[in-house]
């Protein structure tokens, strides 16, 4: 039996443990995503209404969290949007459709709250099937004007972005203190930090840009 609901305070430790297990050694030796989850909940940009867990037979196996972000056009006009992450599913339940259920559930609630645009950074292979497209197709760039290959955009309301150039800014909570994250991780049950090929894949993807011509 599958159930998706809002996270409760009693779930905090479990969710952080799931996030740690889901991301450990995937992008770097170890991970910091569980620390981000830990500090995100107390930030003004965090959206508790879009903080969901997915349960299988009463056991939490994954979660998704959202924060506010913004787009600014060349005239200085701002637009409040969303970004999500981490999205975590316990390793033994990954590639089984649970992440898809969680993401699609969150989209419906985000749209009901009046949000019309989501921007994320991730592996396109994981998200294009959920309706995300290259940031270049929507003319959404980062502060220096470049278009990262890992940045994707989804319109919850078609036609929301009108083709003008938009600059993306995420929440300050995303800029975590790496030393604080390391100390936080060291206070938890020991997991082995090691190299995996996925880390090189992430490095290549995260440093790749889409040409403007």
N, C-alpha and C. Protein backbone atom coordinates (compact mmCIF):
# COMPACT_ATOMS: atom_id res chain seq x y z
N UNK A 1 0.84 -1.19 0.00
CA UNK A 1 0.00 0.00 0.00
C UNK A 1 0.88 1.25 0.00
N UNK A 2 0.61 2.17 -0.92
CA UNK A 2 1.41 3.39 -1.06
C UNK A 2 0.63 4.60 -0.55
N UNK A 3 1.31 5.43 0.21
CA UNK A 3 0.69 6.65 0.73
C UNK A 3 1.68 7.79 0.62
N UNK A 4 1.22 8.92 0.11
CA UNK A 4 2.05 10.14 0.05
C UNK A 4 1.40 11.19 0.94
N UNK A 5 2.18 11.75 1.83
CA UNK A 5 1.66 12.74 2.79
C UNK A 5 2.73 13.76 3.12
N UNK A 6 2.33 14.82 3.80
CA UNK A 6 3.30 15.81 4.25
C UNK A 6 4.20 15.24 5.34
N UNK A 7 5.43 15.68 5.34
CA UNK A 7 6.37 15.28 6.39
C UNK A 7 5.91 15.85 7.74
N UNK A 8 6.11 15.07 8.79
CA UNK A 8 5.85 15.51 10.16
C UNK A 8 7.18 15.63 10.91
N UNK A 9 7.15 16.37 12.01
CA UNK A 9 8.38 16.55 12.78
C UNK A 9 8.95 15.20 13.23
N UNK A 10 8.07 14.25 13.53
CA UNK A 10 8.52 12.93 13.96
C UNK A 10 9.27 12.18 12.85
N UNK A 11 9.13 12.64 11.61
CA UNK A 11 9.79 12.00 10.47
C UNK A 11 11.18 12.54 10.19
N UNK A 12 11.57 13.65 10.83
CA UNK A 12 12.77 14.37 10.43
C UNK A 12 14.01 13.47 10.38
N UNK A 13 14.27 12.74 11.45
CA UNK A 13 15.48 11.93 11.50
C UNK A 13 15.45 10.84 10.43
N UNK A 14 14.29 10.21 10.27
CA UNK A 14 14.15 9.16 9.26
C UNK A 14 14.41 9.70 7.86
N UNK A 15 13.84 10.86 7.56
CA UNK A 15 14.02 11.47 6.24
C UNK A 15 15.49 11.82 6.00
N UNK A 16 16.17 12.34 7.00
CA UNK A 16 17.58 12.67 6.85
C UNK A 16 18.41 11.41 6.62
N UNK A 17 18.06 10.32 7.29
CA UNK A 17 18.77 9.06 7.10
C UNK A 17 18.54 8.51 5.69
N UNK A 18 17.30 8.62 5.20
CA UNK A 18 16.99 8.16 3.84
C UNK A 18 17.76 8.98 2.82
N UNK A 19 17.80 10.29 3.01
CA UNK A 19 18.53 11.17 2.09
C UNK A 19 20.01 10.82 2.07
N UNK A 20 20.56 10.57 3.23
CA UNK A 20 21.98 10.20 3.32
C UNK A 20 22.26 8.91 2.56
N UNK A 21 21.43 7.90 2.78
CA UNK A 21 21.63 6.61 2.10
C UNK A 21 21.44 6.74 0.59
N UNK A 22 20.51 7.59 0.18
CA UNK A 22 20.23 7.75 -1.25
C UNK A 22 21.36 8.43 -2.00
N UNK A 23 22.09 9.35 -1.33
CA UNK A 23 23.07 10.17 -2.03
C UNK A 23 24.53 9.84 -1.70
N UNK A 24 24.77 8.99 -0.73
CA UNK A 24 26.15 8.76 -0.30
C UNK A 24 26.99 8.20 -1.43
N UNK A 25 28.07 8.91 -1.74
CA UNK A 25 29.06 8.55 -2.77
C UNK A 25 28.55 8.67 -4.21
N UNK A 26 27.36 9.22 -4.40
CA UNK A 26 26.83 9.34 -5.77
C UNK A 26 27.51 10.48 -6.53
N UNK A 27 27.61 11.65 -5.92
CA UNK A 27 28.17 12.82 -6.59
C UNK A 27 29.57 13.19 -6.10
N UNK A 28 29.84 12.87 -4.85
CA UNK A 28 31.14 13.08 -4.23
C UNK A 28 31.37 11.93 -3.26
N UNK A 29 32.60 11.72 -2.79
CA UNK A 29 32.77 10.75 -1.71
C UNK A 29 32.01 11.25 -0.47
N UNK A 30 31.04 10.50 0.00
CA UNK A 30 30.15 10.97 1.06
C UNK A 30 28.99 11.73 0.42
N UNK A 31 28.40 12.66 1.15
CA UNK A 31 27.38 13.54 0.59
C UNK A 31 27.05 14.64 1.60
N UNK A 32 26.33 15.66 1.12
CA UNK A 32 25.91 16.77 1.99
C UNK A 32 24.40 16.99 1.92
N UNK A 33 23.71 16.21 1.12
CA UNK A 33 22.27 16.43 0.93
C UNK A 33 21.48 16.27 2.22
N UNK A 34 21.88 15.36 3.08
CA UNK A 34 21.15 15.18 4.35
C UNK A 34 21.33 16.37 5.27
N UNK A 35 22.48 17.02 5.18
CA UNK A 35 22.68 18.25 5.96
C UNK A 35 21.81 19.38 5.41
N UNK A 36 21.70 19.45 4.08
CA UNK A 36 20.82 20.44 3.46
C UNK A 36 19.38 20.26 3.94
N UNK A 37 18.91 19.02 3.96
CA UNK A 37 17.57 18.73 4.48
C UNK A 37 17.44 19.22 5.92
N UNK A 38 18.47 18.98 6.70
CA UNK A 38 18.45 19.34 8.12
C UNK A 38 18.29 20.85 8.33
N UNK A 39 18.98 21.65 7.52
CA UNK A 39 18.94 23.11 7.70
C UNK A 39 17.83 23.78 6.89
N UNK A 40 17.37 23.11 5.85
CA UNK A 40 16.39 23.71 4.96
C UNK A 40 15.07 24.01 5.66
N UNK A 41 14.66 23.11 6.54
CA UNK A 41 13.34 23.23 7.16
C UNK A 41 13.17 24.53 7.94
N UNK A 42 14.25 25.09 8.45
CA UNK A 42 14.15 26.30 9.25
C UNK A 42 14.32 27.58 8.45
N UNK A 43 14.46 27.49 7.14
CA UNK A 43 14.71 28.67 6.31
C UNK A 43 13.40 29.26 5.80
N UNK A 44 13.40 30.57 5.61
CA UNK A 44 12.18 31.27 5.18
C UNK A 44 11.72 30.87 3.79
N UNK A 45 12.62 30.35 2.96
CA UNK A 45 12.24 29.95 1.60
C UNK A 45 11.70 28.53 1.52
N UNK A 46 11.78 27.80 2.61
CA UNK A 46 11.28 26.42 2.63
C UNK A 46 9.76 26.41 2.59
N UNK A 47 9.20 25.47 1.83
CA UNK A 47 7.75 25.37 1.69
C UNK A 47 7.26 24.06 2.31
N UNK A 48 6.79 24.15 3.55
CA UNK A 48 6.33 22.95 4.26
C UNK A 48 5.16 22.29 3.54
N UNK A 49 4.35 23.08 2.82
CA UNK A 49 3.20 22.52 2.10
C UNK A 49 3.62 21.57 0.99
N UNK A 50 4.88 21.72 0.52
CA UNK A 50 5.38 20.89 -0.57
C UNK A 50 6.50 19.96 -0.09
N UNK A 51 6.48 19.65 1.18
CA UNK A 51 7.44 18.73 1.79
C UNK A 51 6.71 17.41 2.00
N UNK A 52 6.99 16.43 1.13
CA UNK A 52 6.24 15.18 1.14
C UNK A 52 7.13 13.97 1.40
N UNK A 53 6.54 12.97 2.04
CA UNK A 53 7.18 11.65 2.15
C UNK A 53 6.29 10.64 1.45
N UNK A 54 6.89 9.56 0.97
CA UNK A 54 6.14 8.46 0.39
C UNK A 54 6.34 7.23 1.27
N UNK A 55 5.24 6.58 1.61
CA UNK A 55 5.27 5.40 2.47
C UNK A 55 4.86 4.16 1.67
N UNK A 56 5.53 3.07 1.95
CA UNK A 56 5.17 1.77 1.41
C UNK A 56 4.85 0.86 2.59
N UNK A 57 3.60 0.45 2.68
CA UNK A 57 3.14 -0.39 3.80
C UNK A 57 3.50 0.23 5.15
N UNK A 58 3.33 1.56 5.24
CA UNK A 58 3.54 2.27 6.49
C UNK A 58 4.98 2.68 6.77
N UNK A 59 5.91 2.30 5.91
CA UNK A 59 7.33 2.64 6.08
C UNK A 59 7.72 3.76 5.11
N UNK A 60 8.35 4.81 5.61
CA UNK A 60 8.82 5.89 4.74
C UNK A 60 9.99 5.39 3.90
N UNK A 61 9.87 5.53 2.59
CA UNK A 61 10.95 5.07 1.71
C UNK A 61 11.53 6.20 0.86
N UNK A 62 10.93 7.42 0.97
CA UNK A 62 11.46 8.53 0.17
C UNK A 62 10.82 9.84 0.54
N UNK A 63 11.38 10.92 -0.02
CA UNK A 63 10.86 12.26 0.27
C UNK A 63 11.24 13.25 -0.83
N UNK A 64 10.52 14.37 -0.85
CA UNK A 64 10.84 15.48 -1.74
C UNK A 64 10.61 16.77 -0.98
N UNK A 65 11.46 17.78 -1.22
CA UNK A 65 11.36 19.06 -0.53
C UNK A 65 11.51 20.19 -1.55
N UNK A 66 10.78 21.27 -1.32
CA UNK A 66 10.80 22.43 -2.21
C UNK A 66 11.22 23.70 -1.47
N UNK A 67 11.87 24.59 -2.20
CA UNK A 67 12.11 25.94 -1.71
C UNK A 67 11.71 26.94 -2.80
N UNK A 68 11.49 28.16 -2.37
CA UNK A 68 11.24 29.23 -3.33
C UNK A 68 12.53 29.58 -4.05
N UNK A 69 12.38 30.03 -5.29
CA UNK A 69 13.50 30.56 -6.08
C UNK A 69 12.93 31.73 -6.86
N UNK A 70 13.75 32.35 -7.71
CA UNK A 70 13.22 33.49 -8.47
C UNK A 70 13.89 33.60 -9.83
N UNK A 71 13.14 34.18 -10.75
CA UNK A 71 13.66 34.56 -12.06
C UNK A 71 13.62 36.07 -12.15
N UNK A 72 14.63 36.66 -12.76
CA UNK A 72 14.70 38.11 -12.95
C UNK A 72 14.98 38.37 -14.42
N UNK A 73 14.14 39.19 -15.08
CA UNK A 73 14.38 39.48 -16.48
C UNK A 73 15.35 40.65 -16.63
N UNK A 74 15.67 41.00 -17.87
CA UNK A 74 16.69 42.02 -18.12
C UNK A 74 16.24 43.41 -17.69
N UNK A 75 14.94 43.59 -17.47
CA UNK A 75 14.43 44.88 -17.00
C UNK A 75 14.35 44.93 -15.47
N UNK A 76 14.73 43.82 -14.83
CA UNK A 76 14.70 43.77 -13.37
C UNK A 76 13.40 43.26 -12.78
N UNK A 77 12.47 42.84 -13.62
CA UNK A 77 11.20 42.30 -13.13
C UNK A 77 11.44 40.91 -12.55
N UNK A 78 10.92 40.68 -11.35
CA UNK A 78 11.11 39.40 -10.68
C UNK A 78 9.87 38.52 -10.76
N UNK A 79 10.13 37.23 -10.79
CA UNK A 79 9.06 36.24 -10.80
C UNK A 79 9.40 35.16 -9.78
N UNK A 80 8.52 34.92 -8.82
CA UNK A 80 8.75 33.88 -7.82
C UNK A 80 8.41 32.52 -8.41
N UNK A 81 9.33 31.59 -8.29
CA UNK A 81 9.15 30.24 -8.82
C UNK A 81 9.55 29.23 -7.76
N UNK A 82 9.68 27.97 -8.17
CA UNK A 82 10.05 26.89 -7.26
C UNK A 82 11.28 26.15 -7.75
N UNK A 83 11.97 25.54 -6.79
CA UNK A 83 12.94 24.51 -7.12
C UNK A 83 12.74 23.39 -6.12
N UNK A 84 13.05 22.16 -6.52
CA UNK A 84 12.94 21.08 -5.54
C UNK A 84 14.26 20.34 -5.41
N UNK A 85 14.37 19.62 -4.33
CA UNK A 85 15.55 18.83 -4.04
C UNK A 85 16.00 19.05 -2.61
N UNK A 86 16.53 18.00 -2.03
CA UNK A 86 16.74 16.69 -2.63
C UNK A 86 15.43 15.91 -2.84
N UNK A 87 15.47 15.02 -3.82
CA UNK A 87 14.45 13.99 -3.98
C UNK A 87 15.15 12.67 -3.66
N UNK A 88 14.69 11.99 -2.64
CA UNK A 88 15.41 10.81 -2.15
C UNK A 88 14.51 9.59 -2.09
N UNK A 89 15.01 8.48 -2.60
CA UNK A 89 14.35 7.18 -2.46
C UNK A 89 15.42 6.21 -1.94
N UNK A 90 15.06 5.41 -0.94
CA UNK A 90 16.01 4.42 -0.44
C UNK A 90 16.56 3.59 -1.59
N UNK A 91 17.87 3.31 -1.57
CA UNK A 91 18.48 2.60 -2.70
C UNK A 91 17.76 1.33 -3.12
N UNK A 92 17.26 0.55 -2.17
CA UNK A 92 16.61 -0.71 -2.52
C UNK A 92 15.26 -0.54 -3.21
N UNK A 93 14.72 0.70 -3.21
CA UNK A 93 13.44 0.97 -3.86
C UNK A 93 13.58 1.87 -5.09
N UNK A 94 14.80 2.21 -5.46
CA UNK A 94 15.00 3.09 -6.60
C UNK A 94 14.70 2.35 -7.91
N UNK A 95 14.38 3.13 -8.94
CA UNK A 95 14.04 2.60 -10.27
C UNK A 95 12.81 1.71 -10.24
N UNK A 96 11.90 2.02 -9.33
CA UNK A 96 10.66 1.25 -9.23
C UNK A 96 9.42 2.12 -9.36
N UNK A 97 9.60 3.39 -9.72
CA UNK A 97 8.47 4.28 -9.95
C UNK A 97 8.05 5.11 -8.76
N UNK A 98 8.67 4.92 -7.61
CA UNK A 98 8.26 5.67 -6.42
C UNK A 98 8.65 7.14 -6.51
N UNK A 99 9.81 7.41 -7.07
CA UNK A 99 10.21 8.80 -7.25
C UNK A 99 9.27 9.53 -8.20
N UNK A 100 8.87 8.87 -9.27
CA UNK A 100 7.92 9.45 -10.22
C UNK A 100 6.61 9.80 -9.52
N UNK A 101 6.10 8.89 -8.70
CA UNK A 101 4.85 9.15 -7.97
C UNK A 101 4.98 10.38 -7.08
N UNK A 102 6.08 10.46 -6.38
CA UNK A 102 6.32 11.56 -5.45
C UNK A 102 6.41 12.89 -6.19
N UNK A 103 7.14 12.92 -7.29
CA UNK A 103 7.31 14.14 -8.07
C UNK A 103 5.98 14.59 -8.68
N UNK A 104 5.25 13.67 -9.29
CA UNK A 104 3.98 14.03 -9.92
C UNK A 104 2.97 14.52 -8.88
N UNK A 105 2.97 13.90 -7.71
CA UNK A 105 2.09 14.35 -6.61
C UNK A 105 2.43 15.78 -6.22
N UNK A 106 3.71 16.07 -6.12
CA UNK A 106 4.13 17.42 -5.72
C UNK A 106 3.78 18.46 -6.78
N UNK A 107 3.84 18.09 -8.06
CA UNK A 107 3.48 19.02 -9.13
C UNK A 107 2.03 19.48 -8.98
N UNK A 108 1.14 18.55 -8.71
CA UNK A 108 -0.28 18.89 -8.57
C UNK A 108 -0.49 19.88 -7.42
N UNK A 109 0.19 19.65 -6.31
CA UNK A 109 0.02 20.53 -5.16
C UNK A 109 0.68 21.88 -5.40
N UNK A 110 1.81 21.89 -6.10
CA UNK A 110 2.47 23.17 -6.41
C UNK A 110 1.58 24.02 -7.31
N UNK A 111 0.98 23.40 -8.31
CA UNK A 111 0.08 24.14 -9.21
C UNK A 111 -1.14 24.65 -8.45
N UNK A 112 -1.67 23.85 -7.53
CA UNK A 112 -2.83 24.26 -6.73
C UNK A 112 -2.51 25.45 -5.84
N UNK A 113 -1.24 25.60 -5.46
CA UNK A 113 -0.81 26.74 -4.64
C UNK A 113 -0.55 27.98 -5.48
N UNK A 114 -0.65 27.85 -6.80
CA UNK A 114 -0.49 29.01 -7.68
C UNK A 114 0.87 29.15 -8.33
N UNK A 115 1.75 28.19 -8.12
CA UNK A 115 3.07 28.26 -8.75
C UNK A 115 2.99 27.73 -10.18
N UNK A 116 3.75 28.35 -11.08
CA UNK A 116 3.65 27.96 -12.49
C UNK A 116 4.96 27.52 -13.12
N UNK A 117 6.08 27.64 -12.40
CA UNK A 117 7.38 27.31 -12.99
C UNK A 117 8.28 26.64 -11.95
N UNK A 118 9.00 25.61 -12.40
CA UNK A 118 9.99 24.93 -11.56
C UNK A 118 11.30 24.88 -12.32
N UNK A 119 12.39 25.23 -11.66
CA UNK A 119 13.73 25.11 -12.23
C UNK A 119 14.55 24.20 -11.32
N UNK A 120 15.24 23.25 -11.89
CA UNK A 120 16.06 22.34 -11.11
C UNK A 120 17.41 22.12 -11.79
N UNK A 121 18.36 21.59 -11.03
CA UNK A 121 19.63 21.11 -11.55
C UNK A 121 19.67 19.61 -11.31
N UNK A 122 20.01 18.85 -12.32
CA UNK A 122 20.08 17.40 -12.16
C UNK A 122 20.46 16.73 -13.46
N UNK A 123 20.38 15.41 -13.44
CA UNK A 123 20.68 14.62 -14.63
C UNK A 123 19.45 14.63 -15.53
N UNK A 124 19.53 15.19 -16.73
CA UNK A 124 18.36 15.25 -17.61
C UNK A 124 17.69 13.91 -17.82
N UNK A 125 18.47 12.83 -17.81
CA UNK A 125 17.91 11.51 -18.00
C UNK A 125 16.88 11.13 -16.95
N UNK A 126 16.96 11.77 -15.79
CA UNK A 126 16.02 11.48 -14.72
C UNK A 126 14.76 12.34 -14.77
N UNK A 127 14.79 13.43 -15.55
CA UNK A 127 13.72 14.41 -15.43
C UNK A 127 13.00 14.79 -16.72
N UNK A 128 13.58 14.53 -17.88
CA UNK A 128 12.89 14.94 -19.11
C UNK A 128 11.57 14.20 -19.28
N UNK A 129 11.48 12.99 -18.76
CA UNK A 129 10.23 12.25 -18.85
C UNK A 129 9.15 12.82 -17.94
N UNK A 130 9.53 13.71 -17.04
CA UNK A 130 8.58 14.39 -16.14
C UNK A 130 8.19 15.76 -16.69
N UNK A 131 8.56 16.04 -17.93
CA UNK A 131 8.17 17.29 -18.57
C UNK A 131 9.17 18.40 -18.49
N UNK A 132 10.35 18.14 -17.95
CA UNK A 132 11.39 19.17 -17.90
C UNK A 132 12.08 19.28 -19.26
N UNK A 133 12.47 20.51 -19.59
CA UNK A 133 13.19 20.78 -20.83
C UNK A 133 14.44 21.59 -20.52
N UNK A 134 15.33 21.63 -21.48
CA UNK A 134 16.56 22.40 -21.33
C UNK A 134 16.26 23.85 -20.99
N UNK A 135 17.03 24.43 -20.09
CA UNK A 135 16.84 25.83 -19.72
C UNK A 135 16.96 26.75 -20.93
N UNK A 136 17.77 26.34 -21.93
CA UNK A 136 17.97 27.17 -23.11
C UNK A 136 16.68 27.32 -23.90
N UNK A 137 15.85 26.29 -23.91
CA UNK A 137 14.59 26.36 -24.66
C UNK A 137 13.64 27.40 -24.09
N UNK A 138 13.80 27.72 -22.80
CA UNK A 138 12.96 28.74 -22.17
C UNK A 138 13.71 30.05 -21.96
N UNK A 139 14.96 30.10 -22.45
CA UNK A 139 15.80 31.30 -22.31
C UNK A 139 16.02 31.65 -20.84
N UNK A 140 16.23 30.63 -20.03
CA UNK A 140 16.53 30.80 -18.60
C UNK A 140 18.00 30.47 -18.38
N UNK A 141 18.75 31.42 -17.87
CA UNK A 141 20.19 31.25 -17.67
C UNK A 141 20.56 31.51 -16.22
N UNK A 142 21.81 31.23 -15.88
CA UNK A 142 22.31 31.58 -14.55
C UNK A 142 22.86 33.00 -14.59
N UNK A 143 23.36 33.46 -13.45
CA UNK A 143 23.71 34.88 -13.29
C UNK A 143 24.72 35.37 -14.32
N UNK A 144 25.66 34.51 -14.75
CA UNK A 144 26.68 34.96 -15.70
C UNK A 144 26.21 34.88 -17.16
N UNK A 145 24.95 34.52 -17.36
CA UNK A 145 24.40 34.47 -18.71
C UNK A 145 24.56 33.15 -19.43
N UNK A 146 25.15 32.16 -18.78
CA UNK A 146 25.35 30.86 -19.42
C UNK A 146 24.17 29.92 -19.16
N UNK A 147 24.13 28.85 -19.95
CA UNK A 147 23.03 27.89 -19.89
C UNK A 147 23.60 26.51 -19.52
N UNK A 148 23.61 26.15 -18.24
CA UNK A 148 24.16 24.86 -17.84
C UNK A 148 23.34 23.69 -18.39
N UNK A 149 24.04 22.65 -18.81
CA UNK A 149 23.35 21.47 -19.34
C UNK A 149 22.50 20.80 -18.28
N UNK A 150 22.88 20.96 -17.03
CA UNK A 150 22.16 20.30 -15.93
C UNK A 150 20.95 21.11 -15.44
N UNK A 151 20.75 22.32 -15.97
CA UNK A 151 19.62 23.14 -15.51
C UNK A 151 18.43 22.92 -16.43
N UNK A 152 17.31 22.58 -15.82
CA UNK A 152 16.10 22.26 -16.58
C UNK A 152 14.91 23.05 -16.03
N UNK A 153 13.92 23.24 -16.89
CA UNK A 153 12.75 24.06 -16.56
C UNK A 153 11.48 23.29 -16.89
N UNK A 154 10.49 23.41 -16.02
CA UNK A 154 9.17 22.85 -16.29
C UNK A 154 8.12 23.94 -16.04
N UNK A 155 7.25 24.14 -17.01
CA UNK A 155 6.12 25.03 -16.84
C UNK A 155 4.94 24.22 -16.31
N UNK A 156 4.47 24.54 -15.12
CA UNK A 156 3.27 23.90 -14.60
C UNK A 156 2.03 24.44 -15.30
N UNK A 157 2.17 25.67 -15.81
CA UNK A 157 1.12 26.30 -16.60
C UNK A 157 1.73 26.64 -17.96
N UNK A 158 1.37 25.93 -19.01
CA UNK A 158 1.98 26.14 -20.33
C UNK A 158 1.88 27.60 -20.79
N UNK A 159 2.98 28.09 -21.35
CA UNK A 159 3.03 29.46 -21.86
C UNK A 159 3.37 30.51 -20.84
N UNK A 160 3.73 30.07 -19.64
CA UNK A 160 4.07 31.01 -18.57
C UNK A 160 5.29 31.85 -18.92
N UNK A 161 6.32 31.20 -19.43
CA UNK A 161 7.55 31.91 -19.80
C UNK A 161 7.42 32.33 -21.26
N UNK A 162 7.61 33.62 -21.51
CA UNK A 162 7.26 34.19 -22.81
C UNK A 162 8.42 34.38 -23.77
N UNK A 163 9.57 33.78 -23.45
CA UNK A 163 10.70 33.88 -24.37
C UNK A 163 11.70 34.95 -24.01
N UNK A 164 11.32 35.89 -23.15
CA UNK A 164 12.31 36.89 -22.73
C UNK A 164 13.43 36.21 -21.95
N UNK A 165 14.58 36.84 -21.83
CA UNK A 165 15.69 36.25 -21.11
C UNK A 165 15.47 36.39 -19.61
N UNK A 166 15.58 35.26 -18.91
CA UNK A 166 15.42 35.23 -17.47
C UNK A 166 16.71 34.74 -16.81
N UNK A 167 17.07 35.36 -15.69
CA UNK A 167 18.22 34.93 -14.90
C UNK A 167 17.70 34.22 -13.65
N UNK A 168 18.25 33.05 -13.39
CA UNK A 168 17.78 32.22 -12.28
C UNK A 168 18.61 32.43 -11.02
N UNK A 169 17.91 32.53 -9.88
CA UNK A 169 18.56 32.65 -8.56
C UNK A 169 17.87 31.70 -7.60
N UNK A 170 18.62 30.81 -7.00
CA UNK A 170 18.01 29.92 -6.02
C UNK A 170 18.09 30.53 -4.62
N UNK A 171 17.54 29.84 -3.65
CA UNK A 171 17.52 30.32 -2.28
C UNK A 171 18.92 30.29 -1.66
N UNK A 172 19.24 31.25 -0.80
CA UNK A 172 20.53 31.21 -0.10
C UNK A 172 20.74 29.94 0.71
N UNK A 173 19.67 29.25 1.09
CA UNK A 173 19.82 28.04 1.89
C UNK A 173 20.57 26.95 1.13
N UNK A 174 20.58 27.05 -0.21
CA UNK A 174 21.28 26.05 -1.01
C UNK A 174 22.80 26.18 -0.91
N UNK A 175 23.27 27.35 -0.47
CA UNK A 175 24.72 27.57 -0.35
C UNK A 175 25.17 27.12 1.04
N UNK A 176 25.29 25.81 1.21
CA UNK A 176 25.58 25.28 2.53
C UNK A 176 27.07 25.41 2.88
N UNK A 177 27.35 25.43 4.16
CA UNK A 177 28.71 25.48 4.67
C UNK A 177 29.27 24.06 4.64
N UNK A 178 30.26 23.81 3.78
CA UNK A 178 30.79 22.47 3.60
C UNK A 178 31.41 21.91 4.87
N UNK A 179 32.05 22.78 5.67
CA UNK A 179 32.65 22.31 6.91
C UNK A 179 31.58 21.91 7.92
N UNK A 180 30.51 22.69 8.00
CA UNK A 180 29.40 22.33 8.88
C UNK A 180 28.76 21.02 8.42
N UNK A 181 28.64 20.84 7.12
CA UNK A 181 28.08 19.61 6.58
C UNK A 181 28.96 18.41 6.94
N UNK A 182 30.27 18.60 6.86
CA UNK A 182 31.20 17.51 7.21
C UNK A 182 31.07 17.13 8.67
N UNK A 183 31.00 18.14 9.54
CA UNK A 183 30.87 17.85 10.97
C UNK A 183 29.54 17.15 11.28
N UNK A 184 28.49 17.58 10.60
CA UNK A 184 27.19 16.96 10.80
C UNK A 184 27.24 15.48 10.41
N UNK A 185 27.88 15.20 9.28
CA UNK A 185 27.97 13.82 8.81
C UNK A 185 28.81 12.96 9.76
N UNK A 186 29.85 13.53 10.30
CA UNK A 186 30.72 12.77 11.19
C UNK A 186 30.03 12.38 12.49
N UNK A 187 28.97 13.09 12.85
CA UNK A 187 28.23 12.77 14.07
C UNK A 187 27.21 11.66 13.88
N UNK A 188 27.12 11.11 12.67
CA UNK A 188 26.15 10.06 12.37
C UNK A 188 26.84 8.71 12.24
N UNK A 189 26.04 7.67 12.08
CA UNK A 189 26.59 6.33 11.91
C UNK A 189 27.57 6.31 10.74
N UNK A 190 28.71 5.69 10.94
CA UNK A 190 29.78 5.73 9.94
C UNK A 190 29.37 5.00 8.66
N UNK A 191 29.60 5.68 7.53
CA UNK A 191 29.47 5.07 6.22
C UNK A 191 30.78 5.31 5.47
N UNK A 192 31.17 4.37 4.66
CA UNK A 192 32.46 4.48 3.96
C UNK A 192 32.37 5.45 2.79
N UNK A 193 33.26 6.44 2.79
CA UNK A 193 33.36 7.35 1.66
C UNK A 193 34.27 6.71 0.61
N UNK A 194 33.80 6.70 -0.63
CA UNK A 194 34.60 6.07 -1.67
C UNK A 194 34.31 6.69 -3.03
N UNK A 195 35.18 6.42 -3.98
CA UNK A 195 35.01 6.92 -5.35
C UNK A 195 34.09 5.98 -6.12
N UNK A 196 33.22 6.57 -6.93
CA UNK A 196 32.37 5.81 -7.85
C UNK A 196 32.36 6.53 -9.20
N UNK A 197 32.21 5.81 -10.29
CA UNK A 197 32.19 6.45 -11.62
C UNK A 197 31.11 7.52 -11.75
N UNK A 198 30.03 7.40 -11.00
CA UNK A 198 28.96 8.41 -11.07
C UNK A 198 29.45 9.79 -10.68
N UNK A 199 30.52 9.85 -9.89
CA UNK A 199 31.07 11.15 -9.47
C UNK A 199 31.71 11.86 -10.65
N UNK A 200 32.38 11.13 -11.52
CA UNK A 200 32.98 11.73 -12.71
C UNK A 200 31.89 12.16 -13.69
N UNK A 201 30.85 11.34 -13.81
CA UNK A 201 29.71 11.69 -14.66
C UNK A 201 29.08 13.00 -14.18
N UNK A 202 28.91 13.12 -12.87
CA UNK A 202 28.33 14.33 -12.29
C UNK A 202 29.23 15.54 -12.56
N UNK A 203 30.55 15.36 -12.42
CA UNK A 203 31.48 16.47 -12.66
C UNK A 203 31.37 16.97 -14.10
N UNK A 204 31.33 16.03 -15.03
CA UNK A 204 31.23 16.41 -16.45
C UNK A 204 29.93 17.14 -16.72
N UNK A 205 28.83 16.59 -16.23
CA UNK A 205 27.53 17.18 -16.48
C UNK A 205 27.40 18.55 -15.83
N UNK A 206 27.87 18.68 -14.60
CA UNK A 206 27.71 19.93 -13.86
C UNK A 206 28.59 21.06 -14.40
N UNK A 207 29.60 20.71 -15.20
CA UNK A 207 30.48 21.72 -15.77
C UNK A 207 30.22 21.95 -17.26
N UNK A 208 29.18 21.31 -17.80
CA UNK A 208 28.87 21.43 -19.23
C UNK A 208 27.88 22.57 -19.46
N UNK A 209 28.09 23.32 -20.55
CA UNK A 209 27.22 24.43 -20.92
C UNK A 209 26.63 24.20 -22.31
N UNK A 210 25.45 24.75 -22.54
CA UNK A 210 24.81 24.69 -23.85
C UNK A 210 25.19 25.95 -24.64
N UNK A 211 25.63 25.77 -25.87
CA UNK A 211 26.02 26.92 -26.69
C UNK A 211 24.79 27.77 -27.03
N UNK A 212 25.02 29.04 -27.16
CA UNK A 212 23.91 29.98 -27.38
C UNK A 212 23.52 30.12 -28.85
N UNK A 213 24.35 29.66 -29.77
CA UNK A 213 23.99 29.84 -31.18
C UNK A 213 23.17 28.67 -31.70
